[in-house]
Structures are given as structure tokens and as C-alpha cells.
PDB file of N, CA and C in Angstrom:
ATOM      1  N   UNK A   1       3.133  -7.587 -22.281  1.00  0.00           N
ATOM      2  CA  UNK A   1       4.001  -8.365 -21.431  1.00  0.00           C
ATOM      3  C   UNK A   1       3.641  -9.835 -21.630  1.00  0.00           C
ATOM      4  N   UNK A   2       4.644 -10.651 -21.774  1.00  0.00           N
ATOM      5  CA  UNK A   2       4.416 -12.070 -22.034  1.00  0.00           C
ATOM      6  C   UNK A   2       3.913 -12.778 -20.777  1.00  0.00           C
ATOM      7  N   UNK A   3       3.199 -13.890 -20.969  1.00  0.00           N
ATOM      8  CA  UNK A   3       2.730 -14.658 -19.811  1.00  0.00           C
ATOM      9  C   UNK A   3       3.888 -15.127 -18.927  1.00  0.00           C
ATOM     10  N   UNK A   4       5.027 -15.487 -19.548  1.00  0.00           N
ATOM     11  CA  UNK A   4       6.184 -15.918 -18.764  1.00  0.00           C
ATOM     12  C   UNK A   4       6.701 -14.785 -17.875  1.00  0.00           C
ATOM     13  N   UNK A   5       6.694 -13.578 -18.419  1.00  0.00           N
ATOM     14  CA  UNK A   5       7.167 -12.402 -17.665  1.00  0.00           C
ATOM     15  C   UNK A   5       6.220 -12.117 -16.490  1.00  0.00           C
ATOM     16  N   UNK A   6       4.912 -12.192 -16.740  1.00  0.00           N
ATOM     17  CA  UNK A   6       3.936 -11.981 -15.673  1.00  0.00           C
ATOM     18  C   UNK A   6       4.137 -13.023 -14.582  1.00  0.00           C
ATOM     19  N   UNK A   7       4.317 -14.275 -14.978  1.00  0.00           N
ATOM     20  CA  UNK A   7       4.537 -15.360 -14.019  1.00  0.00           C
ATOM     21  C   UNK A   7       5.794 -15.097 -13.195  1.00  0.00           C
ATOM     22  N   UNK A   8       6.858 -14.661 -13.849  1.00  0.00           N
ATOM     23  CA  UNK A   8       8.111 -14.375 -13.140  1.00  0.00           C
ATOM     24  C   UNK A   8       7.927 -13.254 -12.127  1.00  0.00           C
ATOM     25  N   UNK A   9       7.154 -12.246 -12.488  1.00  0.00           N
ATOM     26  CA  UNK A   9       6.928 -11.134 -11.570  1.00  0.00           C
ATOM     27  C   UNK A   9       6.113 -11.553 -10.359  1.00  0.00           C
ATOM     28  N   UNK A  10       5.169 -12.456 -10.570  1.00  0.00           N
ATOM     29  CA  UNK A  10       4.313 -12.909  -9.473  1.00  0.00           C
ATOM     30  C   UNK A  10       5.061 -13.869  -8.557  1.00  0.00           C
ATOM     31  N   UNK A  11       5.754 -14.829  -9.154  1.00  0.00           N
ATOM     32  CA  UNK A  11       6.428 -15.861  -8.375  1.00  0.00           C
ATOM     33  C   UNK A  11       7.661 -15.326  -7.658  1.00  0.00           C
ATOM     34  N   UNK A  12       8.463 -14.535  -8.354  1.00  0.00           N
ATOM     35  CA  UNK A  12       9.708 -14.039  -7.759  1.00  0.00           C
ATOM     36  C   UNK A  12       9.967 -12.610  -8.208  1.00  0.00           C
ATOM     37  N   UNK A  13       9.211 -11.667  -7.691  1.00  0.00           N
ATOM     38  CA  UNK A  13       9.351 -10.294  -8.172  1.00  0.00           C
ATOM     39  C   UNK A  13      10.732  -9.698  -7.962  1.00  0.00           C
ATOM     40  N   UNK A  14      11.445 -10.145  -6.947  1.00  0.00           N
ATOM     41  CA  UNK A  14      12.783  -9.597  -6.709  1.00  0.00           C
ATOM     42  C   UNK A  14      13.836 -10.221  -7.616  1.00  0.00           C
ATOM     43  N   UNK A  15      13.517 -11.337  -8.243  1.00  0.00           N
ATOM     44  CA  UNK A  15      14.495 -12.017  -9.093  1.00  0.00           C
ATOM     45  C   UNK A  15      14.659 -11.328 -10.437  1.00  0.00           C
ATOM     46  N   UNK A  16      13.657 -10.598 -10.868  1.00  0.00           N
ATOM     47  CA  UNK A  16      13.726  -9.901 -12.151  1.00  0.00           C
ATOM     48  C   UNK A  16      14.139  -8.476 -11.834  1.00  0.00           C
ATOM     49  N   UNK A  17      15.358  -8.106 -12.179  1.00  0.00           N
ATOM     50  CA  UNK A  17      15.908  -6.854 -11.687  1.00  0.00           C
ATOM     51  C   UNK A  17      15.877  -5.697 -12.652  1.00  0.00           C
ATOM     52  N   UNK A  18      14.778  -5.446 -13.334  1.00  0.00           N
ATOM     53  CA  UNK A  18      14.736  -4.289 -14.213  1.00  0.00           C
ATOM     54  C   UNK A  18      13.922  -3.159 -13.584  1.00  0.00           C
ATOM     55  N   UNK A  19      13.891  -2.034 -14.235  1.00  0.00           N
ATOM     56  CA  UNK A  19      13.221  -0.845 -13.714  1.00  0.00           C
ATOM     57  C   UNK A  19      11.730  -1.072 -13.548  1.00  0.00           C
ATOM     58  N   UNK A  20      11.118  -1.764 -14.510  1.00  0.00           N
ATOM     59  CA  UNK A  20       9.672  -2.021 -14.438  1.00  0.00           C
ATOM     60  C   UNK A  20       9.322  -2.792 -13.171  1.00  0.00           C
ATOM     61  N   UNK A  21      10.084  -3.826 -12.872  1.00  0.00           N
ATOM     62  CA  UNK A  21       9.841  -4.627 -11.678  1.00  0.00           C
ATOM     63  C   UNK A  21      10.091  -3.815 -10.426  1.00  0.00           C
ATOM     64  N   UNK A  22      11.166  -3.074 -10.406  1.00  0.00           N
ATOM     65  CA  UNK A  22      11.502  -2.281  -9.229  1.00  0.00           C
ATOM     66  C   UNK A  22      10.393  -1.277  -8.927  1.00  0.00           C
ATOM     67  N   UNK A  23       9.859  -0.622  -9.953  1.00  0.00           N
ATOM     68  CA  UNK A  23       8.797   0.349  -9.714  1.00  0.00           C
ATOM     69  C   UNK A  23       7.529  -0.340  -9.226  1.00  0.00           C
ATOM     70  N   UNK A  24       7.260  -1.539  -9.710  1.00  0.00           N
ATOM     71  CA  UNK A  24       6.103  -2.304  -9.257  1.00  0.00           C
ATOM     72  C   UNK A  24       6.228  -2.635  -7.777  1.00  0.00           C
ATOM     73  N   UNK A  25       7.401  -3.037  -7.357  1.00  0.00           N
ATOM     74  CA  UNK A  25       7.629  -3.380  -5.956  1.00  0.00           C
ATOM     75  C   UNK A  25       7.508  -2.138  -5.070  1.00  0.00           C
ATOM     76  N   UNK A  26       8.092  -1.041  -5.505  1.00  0.00           N
ATOM     77  CA  UNK A  26       8.016   0.205  -4.741  1.00  0.00           C
ATOM     78  C   UNK A  26       6.565   0.643  -4.590  1.00  0.00           C
ATOM     79  N   UNK A  27       5.789   0.558  -5.669  1.00  0.00           N
ATOM     80  CA  UNK A  27       4.377   0.949  -5.616  1.00  0.00           C
ATOM     81  C   UNK A  27       3.596   0.040  -4.669  1.00  0.00           C
ATOM     82  N   UNK A  28       3.851  -1.258  -4.707  1.00  0.00           N
ATOM     83  CA  UNK A  28       3.166  -2.191  -3.811  1.00  0.00           C
ATOM     84  C   UNK A  28       3.512  -1.891  -2.353  1.00  0.00           C
ATOM     85  N   UNK A  29       4.764  -1.592  -2.083  1.00  0.00           N
ATOM     86  CA  UNK A  29       5.163  -1.263  -0.713  1.00  0.00           C
ATOM     87  C   UNK A  29       4.513   0.041  -0.255  1.00  0.00           C
ATOM     88  N   UNK A  30       4.417   1.017  -1.152  1.00  0.00           N
ATOM     89  CA  UNK A  30       3.786   2.290  -0.814  1.00  0.00           C
ATOM     90  C   UNK A  30       2.314   2.079  -0.469  1.00  0.00           C
ATOM     91  N   UNK A  31       1.628   1.292  -1.286  1.00  0.00           N
ATOM     92  CA  UNK A  31       0.204   1.047  -1.056  1.00  0.00           C
ATOM     93  C   UNK A  31      -0.034   0.224   0.206  1.00  0.00           C
ATOM     94  N   UNK A  32       0.890  -0.647   0.533  1.00  0.00           N
ATOM     95  CA  UNK A  32       0.744  -1.483   1.727  1.00  0.00           C
ATOM     96  C   UNK A  32       0.756  -0.638   2.994  1.00  0.00           C
ATOM     97  N   UNK A  33       1.399   0.499   2.958  1.00  0.00           N
ATOM     98  CA  UNK A  33       1.462   1.366   4.125  1.00  0.00           C
ATOM     99  C   UNK A  33       0.249   2.261   4.293  1.00  0.00           C
ATOM    100  N   UNK A  34      -0.630   2.288   3.314  1.00  0.00           N
ATOM    101  CA  UNK A  34      -1.827   3.131   3.394  1.00  0.00           C
ATOM    102  C   UNK A  34      -2.862   2.512   4.314  1.00  0.00           C
ATOM    103  N   UNK A  35      -3.580   3.351   5.044  1.00  0.00           N
ATOM    104  CA  UNK A  35      -4.656   2.800   5.874  1.00  0.00           C
ATOM    105  C   UNK A  35      -5.800   2.287   4.995  1.00  0.00           C
ATOM    106  N   UNK A  36      -6.532   1.335   5.536  1.00  0.00           N
ATOM    107  CA  UNK A  36      -7.717   0.830   4.847  1.00  0.00           C
ATOM    108  C   UNK A  36      -8.677   2.000   4.653  1.00  0.00           C
ATOM    109  N   UNK A  37      -9.415   2.000   3.586  1.00  0.00           N
ATOM    110  CA  UNK A  37     -10.368   3.078   3.330  1.00  0.00           C
ATOM    111  C   UNK A  37     -11.757   2.644   3.762  1.00  0.00           C
ATOM    112  N   UNK A  38     -12.334   3.411   4.683  1.00  0.00           N
ATOM    113  CA  UNK A  38     -13.714   3.189   5.113  1.00  0.00           C
ATOM    114  C   UNK A  38     -14.628   4.096   4.284  1.00  0.00           C
ATOM    115  N   UNK A  39     -15.893   3.715   4.113  1.00  0.00           N
ATOM    116  CA  UNK A  39     -16.835   4.571   3.388  1.00  0.00           C
ATOM    117  C   UNK A  39     -17.271   5.747   4.261  1.00  0.00           C
ATOM    118  N   UNK A  40     -16.488   6.801   4.262  1.00  0.00           N
ATOM    119  CA  UNK A  40     -16.757   7.956   5.120  1.00  0.00           C
ATOM    120  C   UNK A  40     -18.113   8.580   4.826  1.00  0.00           C
ATOM    121  N   UNK A  41     -18.643   8.327   3.645  1.00  0.00           N
ATOM    122  CA  UNK A  41     -19.962   8.844   3.268  1.00  0.00           C
ATOM    123  C   UNK A  41     -21.059   8.256   4.154  1.00  0.00           C
ATOM    124  N   UNK A  42     -20.737   7.196   4.884  1.00  0.00           N
ATOM    125  CA  UNK A  42     -21.715   6.588   5.791  1.00  0.00           C
ATOM    126  C   UNK A  42     -21.917   7.399   7.067  1.00  0.00           C
ATOM    127  N   UNK A  43     -21.070   8.380   7.300  1.00  0.00           N
ATOM    128  CA  UNK A  43     -21.267   9.270   8.446  1.00  0.00           C
ATOM    129  C   UNK A  43     -22.393  10.228   8.067  1.00  0.00           C
ATOM    130  N   UNK A  44     -23.415  10.318   8.902  1.00  0.00           N
ATOM    131  CA  UNK A  44     -24.564  11.159   8.608  1.00  0.00           C
ATOM    132  C   UNK A  44     -24.114  12.606   8.400  1.00  0.00           C
ATOM    133  N   UNK A  45     -24.486  13.172   7.260  1.00  0.00           N
ATOM    134  CA  UNK A  45     -24.108  14.540   6.925  1.00  0.00           C
ATOM    135  C   UNK A  45     -22.922  14.639   5.987  1.00  0.00           C
ATOM    136  N   UNK A  46     -22.236  13.515   5.755  1.00  0.00           N
ATOM    137  CA  UNK A  46     -21.103  13.496   4.825  1.00  0.00           C
ATOM    138  C   UNK A  46     -21.613  12.983   3.484  1.00  0.00           C
ATOM    139  N   UNK A  47     -21.574  13.848   2.496  1.00  0.00           N
ATOM    140  CA  UNK A  47     -21.951  13.463   1.142  1.00  0.00           C
ATOM    141  C   UNK A  47     -20.698  13.267   0.306  1.00  0.00           C
ATOM    142  N   UNK A  48     -20.869  13.070  -0.993  1.00  0.00           N
ATOM    143  CA  UNK A  48     -19.717  12.823  -1.872  1.00  0.00           C
ATOM    144  C   UNK A  48     -18.678  13.950  -1.863  1.00  0.00           C
ATOM    145  N   UNK A  49     -19.119  15.188  -1.825  1.00  0.00           N
ATOM    146  CA  UNK A  49     -18.182  16.316  -1.850  1.00  0.00           C
ATOM    147  C   UNK A  49     -17.383  16.369  -0.549  1.00  0.00           C
ATOM    148  N   UNK A  50     -18.066  16.259   0.575  1.00  0.00           N
ATOM    149  CA  UNK A  50     -17.369  16.291   1.863  1.00  0.00           C
ATOM    150  C   UNK A  50     -16.463  15.076   2.020  1.00  0.00           C
ATOM    151  N   UNK A  51     -16.914  13.914   1.556  1.00  0.00           N
ATOM    152  CA  UNK A  51     -16.077  12.728   1.645  1.00  0.00           C
ATOM    153  C   UNK A  51     -14.782  12.949   0.860  1.00  0.00           C
ATOM    154  N   UNK A  52     -14.890  13.522  -0.327  1.00  0.00           N
ATOM    155  CA  UNK A  52     -13.689  13.762  -1.128  1.00  0.00           C
ATOM    156  C   UNK A  52     -12.746  14.740  -0.440  1.00  0.00           C
ATOM    157  N   UNK A  53     -13.297  15.729   0.228  1.00  0.00           N
ATOM    158  CA  UNK A  53     -12.444  16.682   0.969  1.00  0.00           C
ATOM    159  C   UNK A  53     -11.714  15.979   2.106  1.00  0.00           C
ATOM    160  N   UNK A  54     -12.393  15.062   2.778  1.00  0.00           N
ATOM    161  CA  UNK A  54     -11.740  14.293   3.835  1.00  0.00           C
ATOM    162  C   UNK A  54     -10.628  13.417   3.258  1.00  0.00           C
ATOM    163  N   UNK A  55     -10.915  12.749   2.157  1.00  0.00           N
ATOM    164  CA  UNK A  55      -9.912  11.906   1.519  1.00  0.00           C
ATOM    165  C   UNK A  55      -8.717  12.731   1.051  1.00  0.00           C
ATOM    166  N   UNK A  56      -8.987  13.881   0.460  1.00  0.00           N
ATOM    167  CA  UNK A  56      -7.913  14.761  -0.005  1.00  0.00           C
ATOM    168  C   UNK A  56      -7.034  15.231   1.152  1.00  0.00           C
ATOM    169  N   UNK A  57      -7.621  15.308   2.342  1.00  0.00           N
ATOM    170  CA  UNK A  57      -6.870  15.726   3.525  1.00  0.00           C
ATOM    171  C   UNK A  57      -6.117  14.556   4.167  1.00  0.00           C
ATOM    172  N   UNK A  58      -6.238  13.366   3.581  1.00  0.00           N
ATOM    173  CA  UNK A  58      -5.529  12.203   4.113  1.00  0.00           C
ATOM    174  C   UNK A  58      -6.295  11.422   5.150  1.00  0.00           C
ATOM    175  N   UNK A  59      -7.582  11.672   5.265  1.00  0.00           N
ATOM    176  CA  UNK A  59      -8.422  10.923   6.201  1.00  0.00           C
ATOM    177  C   UNK A  59      -9.134   9.821   5.423  1.00  0.00           C
ATOM    178  N   UNK A  60      -8.809   8.573   5.736  1.00  0.00           N
ATOM    179  CA  UNK A  60      -9.349   7.438   5.001  1.00  0.00           C
ATOM    180  C   UNK A  60     -10.228   6.529   5.853  1.00  0.00           C
ATOM    181  N   UNK A  61     -10.138   6.669   7.167  1.00  0.00           N
ATOM    182  CA  UNK A  61     -10.848   5.735   8.042  1.00  0.00           C
ATOM    183  C   UNK A  61     -11.725   6.472   9.055  1.00  0.00           C
ATOM    184  N   UNK A  62     -12.699   5.726   9.578  1.00  0.00           N
ATOM    185  CA  UNK A  62     -13.540   6.260  10.646  1.00  0.00           C
ATOM    186  C   UNK A  62     -12.666   6.618  11.851  1.00  0.00           C
ATOM    187  N   UNK A  63     -11.689   5.777  12.112  1.00  0.00           N
ATOM    188  CA  UNK A  63     -10.776   6.000  13.232  1.00  0.00           C
ATOM    189  C   UNK A  63     -10.104   7.367  13.123  1.00  0.00           C
ATOM    190  N   UNK A  64      -9.627   7.699  11.947  1.00  0.00           N
ATOM    191  CA  UNK A  64      -8.957   8.982  11.741  1.00  0.00           C
ATOM    192  C   UNK A  64      -9.920  10.151  11.940  1.00  0.00           C
ATOM    193  N   UNK A  65     -11.122  10.039  11.404  1.00  0.00           N
ATOM    194  CA  UNK A  65     -12.110  11.117  11.565  1.00  0.00           C
ATOM    195  C   UNK A  65     -12.479  11.258  13.038  1.00  0.00           C
ATOM    196  N   UNK A  66     -12.596  10.140  13.740  1.00  0.00           N
ATOM    197  CA  UNK A  66     -12.936  10.172  15.157  1.00  0.00           C
ATOM    198  C   UNK A  66     -11.872  10.816  16.027  1.00  0.00           C
ATOM    199  N   UNK A  67     -10.663  10.922  15.533  1.00  0.00           N
ATOM    200  CA  UNK A  67      -9.575  11.549  16.292  1.00  0.00           C
ATOM    201  C   UNK A  67      -9.430  13.040  15.998  1.00  0.00           C
ATOM    202  N   UNK A  68     -10.220  13.547  15.071  1.00  0.00           N
ATOM    203  CA  UNK A  68     -10.144  14.959  14.713  1.00  0.00           C
ATOM    204  C   UNK A  68     -10.893  15.811  15.730  1.00  0.00           C
ATOM    205  N   UNK A  69     -10.630  17.103  15.701  1.00  0.00           N
ATOM    206  CA  UNK A  69     -11.400  18.051  16.511  1.00  0.00           C
ATOM    207  C   UNK A  69     -12.407  18.748  15.597  1.00  0.00           C
ATOM    208  N   UNK A  70     -13.380  19.384  16.202  1.00  0.00           N
ATOM    209  CA  UNK A  70     -14.371  20.140  15.429  1.00  0.00           C
ATOM    210  C   UNK A  70     -13.667  21.184  14.571  1.00  0.00           C
ATOM    211  N   UNK A  71     -12.702  21.861  15.145  1.00  0.00           N
ATOM    212  CA  UNK A  71     -11.993  22.923  14.423  1.00  0.00           C
ATOM    213  C   UNK A  71     -11.207  22.361  13.234  1.00  0.00           C
ATOM    214  N   UNK A  72     -10.583  21.199  13.413  1.00  0.00           N
ATOM    215  CA  UNK A  72      -9.829  20.573  12.320  1.00  0.00           C
ATOM    216  C   UNK A  72     -10.755  20.179  11.174  1.00  0.00           C
ATOM    217  N   UNK A  73     -11.898  19.589  11.519  1.00  0.00           N
ATOM    218  CA  UNK A  73     -12.851  19.209  10.475  1.00  0.00           C
ATOM    219  C   UNK A  73     -13.397  20.435   9.748  1.00  0.00           C
ATOM    220  N   UNK A  74     -13.679  21.485  10.490  1.00  0.00           N
ATOM    221  CA  UNK A  74     -14.176  22.715   9.880  1.00  0.00           C
ATOM    222  C   UNK A  74     -13.135  23.265   8.883  1.00  0.00           C
ATOM    223  N   UNK A  75     -11.863  23.202   9.242  1.00  0.00           N
ATOM    224  CA  UNK A  75     -10.797  23.696   8.364  1.00  0.00           C
ATOM    225  C   UNK A  75     -10.676  22.835   7.103  1.00  0.00           C
ATOM    226  N   UNK A  76     -10.937  21.545   7.219  1.00  0.00           N
ATOM    227  CA  UNK A  76     -10.857  20.640   6.061  1.00  0.00           C
ATOM    228  C   UNK A  76     -12.072  20.821   5.156  1.00  0.00           C
ATOM    229  N   UNK A  77     -13.261  20.847   5.742  1.00  0.00           N
ATOM    230  CA  UNK A  77     -14.507  20.885   4.972  1.00  0.00           C
ATOM    231  C   UNK A  77     -14.773  22.278   4.412  1.00  0.00           C
ATOM    232  N   UNK A  78     -14.419  23.303   5.173  1.00  0.00           N
ATOM    233  CA  UNK A  78     -14.643  24.687   4.746  1.00  0.00           C
ATOM    234  C   UNK A  78     -16.091  24.926   4.308  1.00  0.00           C
ATOM    235  N   UNK A  79     -17.032  24.689   5.223  1.00  0.00           N
ATOM    236  CA  UNK A  79     -18.442  24.875   4.842  1.00  0.00           C
ATOM    237  C   UNK A  79     -18.766  26.350   4.609  1.00  0.00           C
ATOM    238  N   UNK A  80     -19.695  26.583   3.725  1.00  0.00           N
ATOM    239  CA  UNK A  80     -20.196  27.953   3.492  1.00  0.00           C
ATOM    240  C   UNK A  80     -21.016  28.369   4.712  1.00  0.00           C
ATOM    241  N   UNK A  81     -21.244  29.650   4.848  1.00  0.00           N
ATOM    242  CA  UNK A  81     -21.980  30.171   6.009  1.00  0.00           C
ATOM    243  C   UNK A  81     -23.361  29.537   6.137  1.00  0.00           C
ATOM    244  N   UNK A  82     -23.993  29.215   5.020  1.00  0.00           N
ATOM    245  CA  UNK A  82     -25.344  28.670   5.059  1.00  0.00           C
ATOM    246  C   UNK A  82     -25.366  27.157   5.282  1.00  0.00           C
ATOM    247  N   UNK A  83     -24.199  26.500   5.228  1.00  0.00           N
ATOM    248  CA  UNK A  83     -24.138  25.053   5.444  1.00  0.00           C
ATOM    249  C   UNK A  83     -23.988  24.766   6.928  1.00  0.00           C
ATOM    250  N   UNK A  84     -24.806  23.874   7.421  1.00  0.00           N
ATOM    251  CA  UNK A  84     -24.827  23.580   8.845  1.00  0.00           C
ATOM    252  C   UNK A  84     -24.342  22.153   9.076  1.00  0.00           C
ATOM    253  N   UNK A  85     -23.030  21.973   9.121  1.00  0.00           N
ATOM    254  CA  UNK A  85     -22.456  20.656   9.380  1.00  0.00           C
ATOM    255  C   UNK A  85     -22.227  20.494  10.876  1.00  0.00           C
ATOM    256  N   UNK A  86     -22.692  19.382  11.425  1.00  0.00           N
ATOM    257  CA  UNK A  86     -22.529  19.102  12.850  1.00  0.00           C
ATOM    258  C   UNK A  86     -21.284  18.240  13.037  1.00  0.00           C
ATOM    259  N   UNK A  87     -20.127  18.902  13.118  1.00  0.00           N
ATOM    260  CA  UNK A  87     -18.857  18.184  13.172  1.00  0.00           C
ATOM    261  C   UNK A  87     -18.710  17.361  14.444  1.00  0.00           C
ATOM    262  N   UNK A  88     -19.270  17.824  15.548  1.00  0.00           N
ATOM    263  CA  UNK A  88     -19.215  17.039  16.791  1.00  0.00           C
ATOM    264  C   UNK A  88     -19.952  15.713  16.608  1.00  0.00           C
ATOM    265  N   UNK A  89     -21.081  15.745  15.923  1.00  0.00           N
ATOM    266  CA  UNK A  89     -21.838  14.510  15.657  1.00  0.00           C
ATOM    267  C   UNK A  89     -21.055  13.599  14.711  1.00  0.00           C
ATOM    268  N   UNK A  90     -20.358  14.195  13.728  1.00  0.00           N
ATOM    269  CA  UNK A  90     -19.526  13.393  12.829  1.00  0.00           C
ATOM    270  C   UNK A  90     -18.472  12.626  13.622  1.00  0.00           C
ATOM    271  N   UNK A  91     -17.823  13.330  14.538  1.00  0.00           N
ATOM    272  CA  UNK A  91     -16.764  12.719  15.339  1.00  0.00           C
ATOM    273  C   UNK A  91     -17.328  11.585  16.185  1.00  0.00           C
ATOM    274  N   UNK A  92     -18.456  11.826  16.832  1.00  0.00           N
ATOM    275  CA  UNK A  92     -19.087  10.789  17.661  1.00  0.00           C
ATOM    276  C   UNK A  92     -19.459   9.571  16.825  1.00  0.00           C
ATOM    277  N   UNK A  93     -20.085   9.811  15.673  1.00  0.00           N
ATOM    278  CA  UNK A  93     -20.486   8.686  14.825  1.00  0.00           C
ATOM    279  C   UNK A  93     -19.269   7.964  14.264  1.00  0.00           C
ATOM    280  N   UNK A  94     -18.229   8.693  13.899  1.00  0.00           N
ATOM    281  CA  UNK A  94     -17.009   8.072  13.373  1.00  0.00           C
ATOM    282  C   UNK A  94     -16.381   7.162  14.428  1.00  0.00           C
ATOM    283  N   UNK A  95     -16.391   7.596  15.666  1.00  0.00           N
ATOM    284  CA  UNK A  95     -15.847   6.759  16.747  1.00  0.00           C
ATOM    285  C   UNK A  95     -16.661   5.483  16.912  1.00  0.00           C
ATOM    286  N   UNK A  96     -17.979   5.603  16.835  1.00  0.00           N
ATOM    287  CA  UNK A  96     -18.859   4.438  16.945  1.00  0.00           C
ATOM    288  C   UNK A  96     -18.613   3.473  15.777  1.00  0.00           C
ATOM    289  N   UNK A  97     -18.552   4.017  14.569  1.00  0.00           N
ATOM    290  CA  UNK A  97     -18.318   3.182  13.391  1.00  0.00           C
ATOM    291  C   UNK A  97     -16.935   2.538  13.431  1.00  0.00           C
ATOM    292  N   UNK A  98     -15.938   3.268  13.921  1.00  0.00           N
ATOM    293  CA  UNK A  98     -14.584   2.716  14.052  1.00  0.00           C
ATOM    294  C   UNK A  98     -14.590   1.529  15.014  1.00  0.00           C
ATOM    295  N   UNK A  99     -15.333   1.648  16.098  1.00  0.00           N
ATOM    296  CA  UNK A  99     -15.430   0.539  17.048  1.00  0.00           C
ATOM    297  C   UNK A  99     -16.097  -0.666  16.402  1.00  0.00           C
ATOM    298  N   UNK A 100     -17.137  -0.419  15.597  1.00  0.00           N
ATOM    299  CA  UNK A 100     -17.797  -1.516  14.890  1.00  0.00           C
ATOM    300  C   UNK A 100     -16.841  -2.184  13.904  1.00  0.00           C
ATOM    301  N   UNK A 101     -16.021  -1.395  13.229  1.00  0.00           N
ATOM    302  CA  UNK A 101     -15.024  -1.967  12.309  1.00  0.00           C
ATOM    303  C   UNK A 101     -14.054  -2.844  13.099  1.00  0.00           C
ATOM    304  N   UNK A 102     -13.572  -2.355  14.230  1.00  0.00           N
ATOM    305  CA  UNK A 102     -12.647  -3.139  15.059  1.00  0.00           C
ATOM    306  C   UNK A 102     -13.294  -4.426  15.561  1.00  0.00           C
ATOM    307  N   UNK A 103     -14.572  -4.346  15.918  1.00  0.00           N
ATOM    308  CA  UNK A 103     -15.292  -5.512  16.440  1.00  0.00           C
ATOM    309  C   UNK A 103     -15.758  -6.474  15.349  1.00  0.00           C
ATOM    310  N   UNK A 104     -15.692  -6.023  14.106  1.00  0.00           N
ATOM    311  CA  UNK A 104     -16.170  -6.848  13.005  1.00  0.00           C
ATOM    312  C   UNK A 104     -17.677  -6.835  12.841  1.00  0.00           C
ATOM    313  N   UNK A 105     -18.344  -5.836  13.415  1.00  0.00           N
ATOM    314  CA  UNK A 105     -19.806  -5.768  13.338  1.00  0.00           C
ATOM    315  C   UNK A 105     -20.300  -4.679  12.393  1.00  0.00           C
ATOM    316  N   UNK A 106     -19.386  -3.954  11.756  1.00  0.00           N
ATOM    317  CA  UNK A 106     -19.793  -2.863  10.865  1.00  0.00           C
ATOM    318  C   UNK A 106     -20.468  -3.441   9.633  1.00  0.00           C
ATOM    319  N   UNK A 107     -21.684  -2.977   9.334  1.00  0.00           N
ATOM    320  CA  UNK A 107     -22.435  -3.504   8.197  1.00  0.00           C
ATOM    321  C   UNK A 107     -23.115  -2.412   7.368  1.00  0.00           C
ATOM    322  N   UNK A 108     -22.936  -1.166   7.734  1.00  0.00           N
ATOM    323  CA  UNK A 108     -23.700  -0.101   7.104  1.00  0.00           C
ATOM    324  C   UNK A 108     -23.372   0.039   5.625  1.00  0.00           C
ATOM    325  N   UNK A 109     -22.129   0.265   5.301  1.00  0.00           N
ATOM    326  CA  UNK A 109     -21.558   0.441   3.971  1.00  0.00           C
ATOM    327  C   UNK A 109     -22.465   0.743   2.804  1.00  0.00           C
ATOM    328  N   UNK A 110     -22.146   1.780   2.085  1.00  0.00           N
ATOM    329  CA  UNK A 110     -22.881   2.128   0.862  1.00  0.00           C
ATOM    330  C   UNK A 110     -22.158   1.675  -0.382  1.00  0.00           C
ATOM    331  N   UNK A 111     -20.930   1.158  -0.247  1.00  0.00           N
ATOM    332  CA  UNK A 111     -20.151   0.748  -1.435  1.00  0.00           C
ATOM    333  C   UNK A 111     -20.312  -0.719  -1.685  1.00  0.00           C
TER     334      UNK A 111
END
């Protein structure tokens, strides 16, 4: 793509009316509607595998995890019989972390 074309897309994306531009705009609008992604792995007991299961289920923020029930989390995580996940503690910690995010005091982050 030429520098002039890139400039045109940045300055006036709606002025260039081809399929490439239209798909770029649609993708940007789709992404704008997504919730911010919090590092769910920061919840004690959530490792990379469990975090991915939460993300796959559409949970991206501490706020969302904090609104879940123990039963909902169990259905998403599907722990084996020998795995002892404390979903009630996850919910409590997610609510605390969500409040810190809202207050601007969240600093834990592993990313």
C-alpha cells in the first residue's frame, strides 16, 4: 500500500470508498465495542489455561468475572475432580480488582 493511500485512510477513512477501507472501518468499530482486557491471570488460582478458558467464554475483565456465580465459573473452567479451584475466592478477588481498576489504583498486572 502506498504512503499516500495509508495517509488517506488515516486522515479520511470514509472518503476512500473501496472494500478494503470499508472492512477496515467495520473491524475498528467491532473492536471498539469490546471490553478492555484485564490480566485475569492475576486472580489467585487462575493460570494460563484457566485464563484462556475465561477468555474463550467471553470474559475479559475483572468486572465480568466478579459478576459470575460459582456454578457458572465451574461450567466454564470444567476442573477435573482432583483440581481444587476456589471459585468463590476468584469472584471476591475479581470484585476487589475491578474496584481497583475503576479507582485507578490497580497495579498488580503480570503483563
